[in-house]
């Protein structure tokens, strides 16, 4: 049994992928006291939520930088010597 689990459900120690964690959890789905058994395993829902928040924040920062760049270009247009209005 251990050999079967080792071959098919090998989870690396540091930062395993979500697929590996899901595969491992499905292999040990029927456990006694799952709250205690899974306390050292990453909470996949919380990990996904943190990733969504991180991506959302990065998108907001990216948009803010584009807006700032556009505003600075708009401010600098009248002072540009090559664009004189007659």
PDB file of N, CA and C in Angstrom:
ATOM      1  N   UNK A   1       0.827  -1.196   0.000  1.00  0.00           N
ATOM      2  CA  UNK A   1       0.000   0.000   0.000  1.00  0.00           C
ATOM      3  C   UNK A   1       0.868   1.255   0.000  1.00  0.00           C
ATOM      4  N   UNK A   2       1.906   1.268   0.834  1.00  0.00           N
ATOM      5  CA  UNK A   2       2.789   2.434   0.874  1.00  0.00           C
ATOM      6  C   UNK A   2       3.489   2.637  -0.451  1.00  0.00           C
ATOM      7  N   UNK A   3       3.877   1.550  -1.085  1.00  0.00           N
ATOM      8  CA  UNK A   3       4.543   1.649  -2.382  1.00  0.00           C
ATOM      9  C   UNK A   3       3.590   2.238  -3.419  1.00  0.00           C
ATOM     10  N   UNK A   4       2.348   1.806  -3.401  1.00  0.00           N
ATOM     11  CA  UNK A   4       1.339   2.333  -4.321  1.00  0.00           C
ATOM     12  C   UNK A   4       1.143   3.833  -4.109  1.00  0.00           C
ATOM     13  N   UNK A   5       1.016   4.248  -2.849  1.00  0.00           N
ATOM     14  CA  UNK A   5       0.850   5.675  -2.558  1.00  0.00           C
ATOM     15  C   UNK A   5       2.090   6.470  -2.952  1.00  0.00           C
ATOM     16  N   UNK A   6       3.265   5.912  -2.712  1.00  0.00           N
ATOM     17  CA  UNK A   6       4.505   6.603  -3.056  1.00  0.00           C
ATOM     18  C   UNK A   6       4.628   6.798  -4.571  1.00  0.00           C
ATOM     19  N   UNK A   7       4.239   5.793  -5.336  1.00  0.00           N
ATOM     20  CA  UNK A   7       4.326   5.881  -6.798  1.00  0.00           C
ATOM     21  C   UNK A   7       3.305   6.852  -7.371  1.00  0.00           C
ATOM     22  N   UNK A   8       2.059   6.782  -6.897  1.00  0.00           N
ATOM     23  CA  UNK A   8       0.968   7.534  -7.518  1.00  0.00           C
ATOM     24  C   UNK A   8       0.637   8.866  -6.858  1.00  0.00           C
ATOM     25  N   UNK A   9       1.010   9.042  -5.620  1.00  0.00           N
ATOM     26  CA  UNK A   9       0.628  10.254  -4.897  1.00  0.00           C
ATOM     27  C   UNK A   9       1.817  10.861  -4.179  1.00  0.00           C
ATOM     28  N   UNK A  10       2.916  10.987  -4.873  1.00  0.00           N
ATOM     29  CA  UNK A  10       4.125  11.550  -4.284  1.00  0.00           C
ATOM     30  C   UNK A  10       3.998  13.070  -4.228  1.00  0.00           C
ATOM     31  N   UNK A  11       4.043  13.642  -3.026  1.00  0.00           N
ATOM     32  CA  UNK A  11       3.960  15.084  -2.834  1.00  0.00           C
ATOM     33  C   UNK A  11       5.313  15.567  -2.326  1.00  0.00           C
ATOM     34  N   UNK A  12       5.891  16.525  -3.034  1.00  0.00           N
ATOM     35  CA  UNK A  12       7.180  17.068  -2.623  1.00  0.00           C
ATOM     36  C   UNK A  12       7.017  17.881  -1.338  1.00  0.00           C
ATOM     37  N   UNK A  13       8.119  18.088  -0.625  1.00  0.00           N
ATOM     38  CA  UNK A  13       8.066  18.737   0.681  1.00  0.00           C
ATOM     39  C   UNK A  13       7.781  20.230   0.607  1.00  0.00           C
ATOM     40  N   UNK A  14       8.464  20.942  -0.275  1.00  0.00           N
ATOM     41  CA  UNK A  14       8.337  22.393  -0.310  1.00  0.00           C
ATOM     42  C   UNK A  14       7.543  22.841  -1.522  1.00  0.00           C
ATOM     43  N   UNK A  15       6.496  23.612  -1.283  1.00  0.00           N
ATOM     44  CA  UNK A  15       5.674  24.213  -2.329  1.00  0.00           C
ATOM     45  C   UNK A  15       5.198  23.233  -3.396  1.00  0.00           C
ATOM     46  N   UNK A  16       4.441  22.222  -3.022  1.00  0.00           N
ATOM     47  CA  UNK A  16       3.902  21.318  -4.049  1.00  0.00           C
ATOM     48  C   UNK A  16       2.841  22.038  -4.877  1.00  0.00           C
ATOM     49  N   UNK A  17       2.627  21.566  -6.071  1.00  0.00           N
ATOM     50  CA  UNK A  17       1.627  22.183  -6.941  1.00  0.00           C
ATOM     51  C   UNK A  17       0.226  21.877  -6.417  1.00  0.00           C
ATOM     52  N   UNK A  18      -0.720  22.667  -6.893  1.00  0.00           N
ATOM     53  CA  UNK A  18      -2.104  22.444  -6.462  1.00  0.00           C
ATOM     54  C   UNK A  18      -2.620  21.103  -6.952  1.00  0.00           C
ATOM     55  N   UNK A  19      -2.181  20.692  -8.150  1.00  0.00           N
ATOM     56  CA  UNK A  19      -2.615  19.401  -8.684  1.00  0.00           C
ATOM     57  C   UNK A  19      -2.140  18.257  -7.787  1.00  0.00           C
ATOM     58  N   UNK A  20      -0.890  18.360  -7.321  1.00  0.00           N
ATOM     59  CA  UNK A  20      -0.354  17.315  -6.446  1.00  0.00           C
ATOM     60  C   UNK A  20      -1.105  17.282  -5.116  1.00  0.00           C
ATOM     61  N   UNK A  21      -1.410  18.459  -4.570  1.00  0.00           N
ATOM     62  CA  UNK A  21      -2.151  18.501  -3.308  1.00  0.00           C
ATOM     63  C   UNK A  21      -3.569  17.944  -3.478  1.00  0.00           C
ATOM     64  N   UNK A  22      -4.225  18.301  -4.581  1.00  0.00           N
ATOM     65  CA  UNK A  22      -5.573  17.767  -4.818  1.00  0.00           C
ATOM     66  C   UNK A  22      -5.546  16.260  -4.998  1.00  0.00           C
ATOM     67  N   UNK A  23      -4.542  15.772  -5.705  1.00  0.00           N
ATOM     68  CA  UNK A  23      -4.405  14.332  -5.909  1.00  0.00           C
ATOM     69  C   UNK A  23      -4.177  13.620  -4.574  1.00  0.00           C
ATOM     70  N   UNK A  24      -3.334  14.205  -3.729  1.00  0.00           N
ATOM     71  CA  UNK A  24      -3.036  13.609  -2.437  1.00  0.00           C
ATOM     72  C   UNK A  24      -4.279  13.623  -1.549  1.00  0.00           C
ATOM     73  N   UNK A  25      -5.001  14.733  -1.539  1.00  0.00           N
ATOM     74  CA  UNK A  25      -6.204  14.809  -0.713  1.00  0.00           C
ATOM     75  C   UNK A  25      -7.267  13.821  -1.164  1.00  0.00           C
ATOM     76  N   UNK A  26      -7.387  13.617  -2.476  1.00  0.00           N
ATOM     77  CA  UNK A  26      -8.375  12.650  -2.953  1.00  0.00           C
ATOM     78  C   UNK A  26      -7.976  11.228  -2.564  1.00  0.00           C
ATOM     79  N   UNK A  27      -6.670  10.981  -2.449  1.00  0.00           N
ATOM     80  CA  UNK A  27      -6.211   9.650  -2.061  1.00  0.00           C
ATOM     81  C   UNK A  27      -6.517   9.360  -0.599  1.00  0.00           C
ATOM     82  N   UNK A  28      -6.479  10.387   0.234  1.00  0.00           N
ATOM     83  CA  UNK A  28      -6.722  10.195   1.663  1.00  0.00           C
ATOM     84  C   UNK A  28      -8.017  10.898   2.074  1.00  0.00           C
ATOM     85  N   UNK A  29      -9.043  10.760   1.249  1.00  0.00           N
ATOM     86  CA  UNK A  29     -10.292  11.479   1.502  1.00  0.00           C
ATOM     87  C   UNK A  29     -11.035  10.963   2.732  1.00  0.00           C
ATOM     88  N   UNK A  30     -10.912   9.692   3.034  1.00  0.00           N
ATOM     89  CA  UNK A  30     -11.595   9.136   4.200  1.00  0.00           C
ATOM     90  C   UNK A  30     -10.568   8.986   5.318  1.00  0.00           C
ATOM     91  N   UNK A  31     -10.570   9.944   6.217  1.00  0.00           N
ATOM     92  CA  UNK A  31      -9.625   9.916   7.329  1.00  0.00           C
ATOM     93  C   UNK A  31     -10.375  10.144   8.630  1.00  0.00           C
ATOM     94  N   UNK A  32      -9.759   9.695   9.689  1.00  0.00           N
ATOM     95  CA  UNK A  32     -10.311   9.934  11.009  1.00  0.00           C
ATOM     96  C   UNK A  32      -9.821  11.302  11.470  1.00  0.00           C
ATOM     97  N   UNK A  33     -10.730  12.163  11.845  1.00  0.00           N
ATOM     98  CA  UNK A  33     -10.441  13.511  12.303  1.00  0.00           C
ATOM     99  C   UNK A  33      -9.666  14.309  11.243  1.00  0.00           C
ATOM    100  N   UNK A  34     -10.318  14.671  10.138  1.00  0.00           N
ATOM    101  CA  UNK A  34      -9.624  15.366   9.050  1.00  0.00           C
ATOM    102  C   UNK A  34      -9.088  16.738   9.443  1.00  0.00           C
ATOM    103  N   UNK A  35      -9.708  17.402  10.406  1.00  0.00           N
ATOM    104  CA  UNK A  35      -9.214  18.711  10.833  1.00  0.00           C
ATOM    105  C   UNK A  35      -7.798  18.594  11.394  1.00  0.00           C
ATOM    106  N   UNK A  36      -7.571  17.530  12.136  1.00  0.00           N
ATOM    107  CA  UNK A  36      -6.240  17.318  12.698  1.00  0.00           C
ATOM    108  C   UNK A  36      -5.271  16.805  11.633  1.00  0.00           C
ATOM    109  N   UNK A  37      -5.739  15.954  10.759  1.00  0.00           N
ATOM    110  CA  UNK A  37      -4.861  15.361   9.745  1.00  0.00           C
ATOM    111  C   UNK A  37      -4.368  16.386   8.729  1.00  0.00           C
ATOM    112  N   UNK A  38      -5.213  17.361   8.388  1.00  0.00           N
ATOM    113  CA  UNK A  38      -4.860  18.316   7.339  1.00  0.00           C
ATOM    114  C   UNK A  38      -4.383  19.656   7.882  1.00  0.00           C
ATOM    115  N   UNK A  39      -4.051  19.749   9.137  1.00  0.00           N
ATOM    116  CA  UNK A  39      -3.663  21.053   9.678  1.00  0.00           C
ATOM    117  C   UNK A  39      -2.324  21.540   9.140  1.00  0.00           C
ATOM    118  N   UNK A  40      -1.450  20.639   8.694  1.00  0.00           N
ATOM    119  CA  UNK A  40      -0.156  21.041   8.152  1.00  0.00           C
ATOM    120  C   UNK A  40      -0.167  21.136   6.630  1.00  0.00           C
ATOM    121  N   UNK A  41      -1.315  20.959   6.015  1.00  0.00           N
ATOM    122  CA  UNK A  41      -1.436  21.000   4.558  1.00  0.00           C
ATOM    123  C   UNK A  41      -2.027  22.345   4.170  1.00  0.00           C
ATOM    124  N   UNK A  42      -1.528  22.914   3.094  1.00  0.00           N
ATOM    125  CA  UNK A  42      -2.000  24.224   2.641  1.00  0.00           C
ATOM    126  C   UNK A  42      -3.491  24.191   2.346  1.00  0.00           C
ATOM    127  N   UNK A  43      -4.166  25.256   2.726  1.00  0.00           N
ATOM    128  CA  UNK A  43      -5.584  25.396   2.416  1.00  0.00           C
ATOM    129  C   UNK A  43      -5.681  25.923   0.985  1.00  0.00           C
ATOM    130  N   UNK A  44      -6.143  25.092   0.080  1.00  0.00           N
ATOM    131  CA  UNK A  44      -6.142  25.438  -1.337  1.00  0.00           C
ATOM    132  C   UNK A  44      -7.099  26.579  -1.653  1.00  0.00           C
ATOM    133  N   UNK A  45      -8.201  26.659  -0.944  1.00  0.00           N
ATOM    134  CA  UNK A  45      -9.157  27.743  -1.180  1.00  0.00           C
ATOM    135  C   UNK A  45      -8.546  29.086  -0.776  1.00  0.00           C
ATOM    136  N   UNK A  46      -7.871  29.113   0.365  1.00  0.00           N
ATOM    137  CA  UNK A  46      -7.230  30.353   0.813  1.00  0.00           C
ATOM    138  C   UNK A  46      -6.086  30.733  -0.115  1.00  0.00           C
ATOM    139  N   UNK A  47      -5.365  29.751  -0.599  1.00  0.00           N
ATOM    140  CA  UNK A  47      -4.256  30.020  -1.525  1.00  0.00           C
ATOM    141  C   UNK A  47      -4.795  30.624  -2.830  1.00  0.00           C
ATOM    142  N   UNK A  48      -5.890  30.096  -3.342  1.00  0.00           N
ATOM    143  CA  UNK A  48      -6.478  30.616  -4.573  1.00  0.00           C
ATOM    144  C   UNK A  48      -7.025  32.027  -4.358  1.00  0.00           C
ATOM    145  N   UNK A  49      -7.652  32.268  -3.208  1.00  0.00           N
ATOM    146  CA  UNK A  49      -8.173  33.599  -2.902  1.00  0.00           C
ATOM    147  C   UNK A  49      -7.045  34.619  -2.792  1.00  0.00           C
ATOM    148  N   UNK A  50      -5.946  34.245  -2.172  1.00  0.00           N
ATOM    149  CA  UNK A  50      -4.793  35.146  -2.063  1.00  0.00           C
ATOM    150  C   UNK A  50      -4.215  35.455  -3.442  1.00  0.00           C
ATOM    151  N   UNK A  51      -4.182  34.467  -4.315  1.00  0.00           N
ATOM    152  CA  UNK A  51      -3.689  34.682  -5.678  1.00  0.00           C
ATOM    153  C   UNK A  51      -4.600  35.648  -6.438  1.00  0.00           C
ATOM    154  N   UNK A  52      -5.917  35.498  -6.282  1.00  0.00           N
ATOM    155  CA  UNK A  52      -6.858  36.415  -6.945  1.00  0.00           C
ATOM    156  C   UNK A  52      -6.686  37.843  -6.430  1.00  0.00           C
ATOM    157  N   UNK A  53      -6.528  37.999  -5.108  1.00  0.00           N
ATOM    158  CA  UNK A  53      -6.323  39.326  -4.534  1.00  0.00           C
ATOM    159  C   UNK A  53      -5.031  39.948  -5.052  1.00  0.00           C
ATOM    160  N   UNK A  54      -3.969  39.145  -5.130  1.00  0.00           N
ATOM    161  CA  UNK A  54      -2.678  39.632  -5.612  1.00  0.00           C
ATOM    162  C   UNK A  54      -2.781  40.102  -7.066  1.00  0.00           C
ATOM    163  N   UNK A  55      -3.457  39.315  -7.902  1.00  0.00           N
ATOM    164  CA  UNK A  55      -3.623  39.692  -9.309  1.00  0.00           C
ATOM    165  C   UNK A  55      -4.480  40.941  -9.449  1.00  0.00           C
ATOM    166  N   UNK A  56      -5.521  41.060  -8.626  1.00  0.00           N
ATOM    167  CA  UNK A  56      -6.380  42.235  -8.659  1.00  0.00           C
ATOM    168  C   UNK A  56      -5.598  43.490  -8.271  1.00  0.00           C
ATOM    169  N   UNK A  57      -4.775  43.403  -7.242  1.00  0.00           N
ATOM    170  CA  UNK A  57      -3.960  44.533  -6.808  1.00  0.00           C
ATOM    171  C   UNK A  57      -2.940  44.915  -7.872  1.00  0.00           C
ATOM    172  N   UNK A  58      -2.312  43.926  -8.501  1.00  0.00           N
ATOM    173  CA  UNK A  58      -1.356  44.212  -9.566  1.00  0.00           C
ATOM    174  C   UNK A  58      -2.039  44.918 -10.732  1.00  0.00           C
ATOM    175  N   UNK A  59      -3.253  44.510 -11.071  1.00  0.00           N
ATOM    176  CA  UNK A  59      -3.998  45.144 -12.158  1.00  0.00           C
ATOM    177  C   UNK A  59      -4.328  46.591 -11.814  1.00  0.00           C
ATOM    178  N   UNK A  60      -4.733  46.850 -10.573  1.00  0.00           N
ATOM    179  CA  UNK A  60      -5.045  48.218 -10.154  1.00  0.00           C
ATOM    180  C   UNK A  60      -3.802  49.101 -10.201  1.00  0.00           C
ATOM    181  N   UNK A  61      -2.664  48.577  -9.771  1.00  0.00           N
ATOM    182  CA  UNK A  61      -1.417  49.340  -9.805  1.00  0.00           C
ATOM    183  C   UNK A  61      -1.015  49.620 -11.247  1.00  0.00           C
ATOM    184  N   UNK A  62      -1.162  48.646 -12.118  1.00  0.00           N
ATOM    185  CA  UNK A  62      -0.814  48.821 -13.522  1.00  0.00           C
ATOM    186  C   UNK A  62      -1.679  49.915 -14.160  1.00  0.00           C
ATOM    187  N   UNK A  63      -2.971  49.898 -13.873  1.00  0.00           N
ATOM    188  CA  UNK A  63      -3.877  50.912 -14.414  1.00  0.00           C
ATOM    189  C   UNK A  63      -3.523  52.292 -13.874  1.00  0.00           C
ATOM    190  N   UNK A  64      -3.217  52.382 -12.580  1.00  0.00           N
ATOM    191  CA  UNK A  64      -2.853  53.665 -11.986  1.00  0.00           C
ATOM    192  C   UNK A  64      -1.587  54.229 -12.634  1.00  0.00           C
ATOM    193  N   UNK A  65      -0.624  53.378 -12.925  1.00  0.00           N
ATOM    194  CA  UNK A  65       0.599  53.842 -13.571  1.00  0.00           C
ATOM    195  C   UNK A  65       0.331  54.321 -14.993  1.00  0.00           C
ATOM    196  N   UNK A  66      -0.533  53.640 -15.732  1.00  0.00           N
ATOM    197  CA  UNK A  66      -0.893  54.090 -17.074  1.00  0.00           C
ATOM    198  C   UNK A  66      -1.613  55.433 -17.026  1.00  0.00           C
ATOM    199  N   UNK A  67      -2.500  55.611 -16.067  1.00  0.00           N
ATOM    200  CA  UNK A  67      -3.226  56.870 -15.928  1.00  0.00           C
ATOM    201  C   UNK A  67      -2.250  57.985 -15.587  1.00  0.00           C
ATOM    202  N   UNK A  68      -1.321  57.733 -14.687  1.00  0.00           N
ATOM    203  CA  UNK A  68      -0.334  58.742 -14.318  1.00  0.00           C
ATOM    204  C   UNK A  68       0.536  59.118 -15.516  1.00  0.00           C
ATOM    205  N   UNK A  69       0.969  58.134 -16.268  1.00  0.00           N
ATOM    206  CA  UNK A  69       1.795  58.398 -17.448  1.00  0.00           C
ATOM    207  C   UNK A  69       1.031  59.226 -18.470  1.00  0.00           C
ATOM    208  N   UNK A  70      -0.246  58.892 -18.701  1.00  0.00           N
ATOM    209  CA  UNK A  70      -1.072  59.650 -19.639  1.00  0.00           C
ATOM    210  C   UNK A  70      -1.277  61.080 -19.153  1.00  0.00           C
ATOM    211  N   UNK A  71      -1.499  61.269 -17.857  1.00  0.00           N
ATOM    212  CA  UNK A  71      -1.696  62.612 -17.311  1.00  0.00           C
ATOM    213  C   UNK A  71      -0.434  63.450 -17.468  1.00  0.00           C
ATOM    214  N   UNK A  72       0.720  62.861 -17.204  1.00  0.00           N
ATOM    215  CA  UNK A  72       1.970  63.604 -17.356  1.00  0.00           C
ATOM    216  C   UNK A  72       2.216  63.968 -18.815  1.00  0.00           C
ATOM    217  N   UNK A  73       1.896  63.083 -19.740  1.00  0.00           N
ATOM    218  CA  UNK A  73       2.042  63.403 -21.157  1.00  0.00           C
ATOM    219  C   UNK A  73       1.067  64.507 -21.561  1.00  0.00           C
ATOM    220  N   UNK A  74      -0.124  64.497 -21.032  1.00  0.00           N
ATOM    221  CA  UNK A  74      -1.118  65.521 -21.341  1.00  0.00           C
ATOM    222  C   UNK A  74      -0.668  66.879 -20.821  1.00  0.00           C
ATOM    223  N   UNK A  75      -0.067  66.909 -19.652  1.00  0.00           N
ATOM    224  CA  UNK A  75       0.423  68.158 -19.068  1.00  0.00           C
ATOM    225  C   UNK A  75       1.590  68.711 -19.886  1.00  0.00           C
ATOM    226  N   UNK A  76       2.458  67.859 -20.379  1.00  0.00           N
ATOM    227  CA  UNK A  76       3.647  68.288 -21.103  1.00  0.00           C
ATOM    228  C   UNK A  76       3.373  68.700 -22.538  1.00  0.00           C
ATOM    229  N   UNK A  77       2.214  68.437 -23.109  1.00  0.00           N
ATOM    230  CA  UNK A  77       1.929  68.752 -24.513  1.00  0.00           C
ATOM    231  C   UNK A  77       2.048  70.250 -24.806  1.00  0.00           C
ATOM    232  N   UNK A  78       1.458  71.172 -24.039  1.00  0.00           N
ATOM    233  CA  UNK A  78       1.576  72.599 -24.388  1.00  0.00           C
ATOM    234  C   UNK A  78       3.003  73.125 -24.354  1.00  0.00           C
ATOM    235  N   UNK A  79       3.853  72.555 -23.546  1.00  0.00           N
ATOM    236  CA  UNK A  79       5.212  73.062 -23.439  1.00  0.00           C
ATOM    237  C   UNK A  79       6.149  72.465 -24.494  1.00  0.00           C
ATOM    238  N   UNK A  80       5.672  71.541 -25.301  1.00  0.00           N
ATOM    239  CA  UNK A  80       6.498  70.928 -26.335  1.00  0.00           C
ATOM    240  C   UNK A  80       6.752  71.942 -27.439  1.00  0.00           C
ATOM    241  N   UNK A  81       8.023  72.206 -27.837  1.00  0.00           N
ATOM    242  CA  UNK A  81       8.321  73.230 -28.837  1.00  0.00           C
ATOM    243  C   UNK A  81       7.923  72.811 -30.259  1.00  0.00           C
ATOM    244  N   UNK A  82       7.819  71.555 -30.565  1.00  0.00           N
ATOM    245  CA  UNK A  82       7.514  71.125 -31.925  1.00  0.00           C
ATOM    246  C   UNK A  82       6.027  71.243 -32.273  1.00  0.00           C
ATOM    247  N   UNK A  83       5.189  71.441 -31.286  1.00  0.00           N
ATOM    248  CA  UNK A  83       3.747  71.520 -31.540  1.00  0.00           C
ATOM    249  C   UNK A  83       3.257  72.948 -31.287  1.00  0.00           C
ATOM    250  N   UNK A  84       3.527  73.857 -32.184  1.00  0.00           N
ATOM    251  CA  UNK A  84       3.076  75.217 -32.029  1.00  0.00           C
ATOM    252  C   UNK A  84       1.781  75.411 -32.804  1.00  0.00           C
ATOM    253  N   UNK A  85       0.806  76.030 -32.170  1.00  0.00           N
ATOM    254  CA  UNK A  85      -0.474  76.288 -32.808  1.00  0.00           C
ATOM    255  C   UNK A  85      -0.449  77.667 -33.455  1.00  0.00           C
ATOM    256  N   UNK A  86      -0.985  77.818 -34.643  1.00  0.00           N
ATOM    257  CA  UNK A  86      -1.015  79.119 -35.342  1.00  0.00           C
ATOM    258  C   UNK A  86      -2.346  79.773 -35.159  1.00  0.00           C
TER     259      UNK A  86
END
